[in-house]
Amino acid sequence: MQLTSQQTIKFLCNKYSFWPTRQSGQNFLVSEPDLKSIISSASISPQDTVLEIGAGFGTLTVELAKHASQVIAVELDKRLAMAMRKLSKTHNNLKVIEGDIFQKLPVVSGYLDDLQYKIVSNLPYNITSLVLRNFLENKPRPSEMVVLVQKEVADRIVAQPGKMSLLSIAIQFYAKPEIIRLIPRENFWPTPKVNTALLKISGIGGDPNNFLNQLGNEHVKKFFRIVKFGFSAKRKQLHNNLSAGLDEKQEKIKEILEKCGINPQIRAQDLSIFDWIDITHSV
């Protein structure tokens, strides 16, 4: 059965009385070249364990199972999970978990059992940011992620100073994100209103050069608290936001910023993560 065929997906939808909704961010990939690109970008070896979130009818799952040692596929919808369980009968290295990924985290973590693993997924649009942040901020962290996300979200994630946001800092603090390729919306069914990007997030956790290891675990909460204060009012200058958030006099905040070589009148989106680390150490 050709799972990248729109005709096949429609047949399966009818068979399982399922119809995708935009509210749930359910869009099935119907492009064989893009599917191959995902697998290639993930560089999956026969020793790898792969976690897939939002498995759908198994278009990506089947290909992952061909290359990986073990695939753990999480699917919220009970009808899709039923289809996935039938797939697992012909793929002995596939484990299907039905339910909300955030509610099933203890179960998922149990299967991972301190194994090095990768996340490879066509993520539902409505949970993209939550999934990425959860698996970067909490252990066990994956070694890397290769995911399909909205192009707009991908652009925000890989942004540089001048266009930084809480999301870009939250991802880049833990890892290195890069856009591998863009995927036109016509390569999905139903056709979404937006284009999609294939995003690779590497250098997670163990990379000595990432910002987490440079700052140290003991300062992470303080770092993000300061960053959130900095972005609390987008149009305001940095010294105003930090002064209000930290309950410090503006003169004190200006002095700290100037010692860090930062213009107090700058706005949060213009700072690099190095700047935020300097501020964290100085406050």
Foldseek 3Di string as FASTA:
>chain_A
DQQLAPVVLVVLCVVLVHDDDVVQLDKAFNDPVVLVVLVVVVPAAQDAEEEEEACFLPNNPVVNLVGYVAYEYEHADPSSLVNVVVVCVVRVRYHYHYHDCVVCVVVVCVVCVPPAHEYEYADRAVCVLVVQLVLQVDPPHHQKYWYKYFPVLLCQLQDDAVRHDLSVCSQQQFWHKDFPDKAQQVSIPPRDPTTITTMMTHPGDPNCPHNCNVLDPVLVVLLSLLLCLLPVDQVFFRLVSNCVSVVHDSVVSCVQQVVLVHHRRHGSSRDGSVSSSSSSVRD
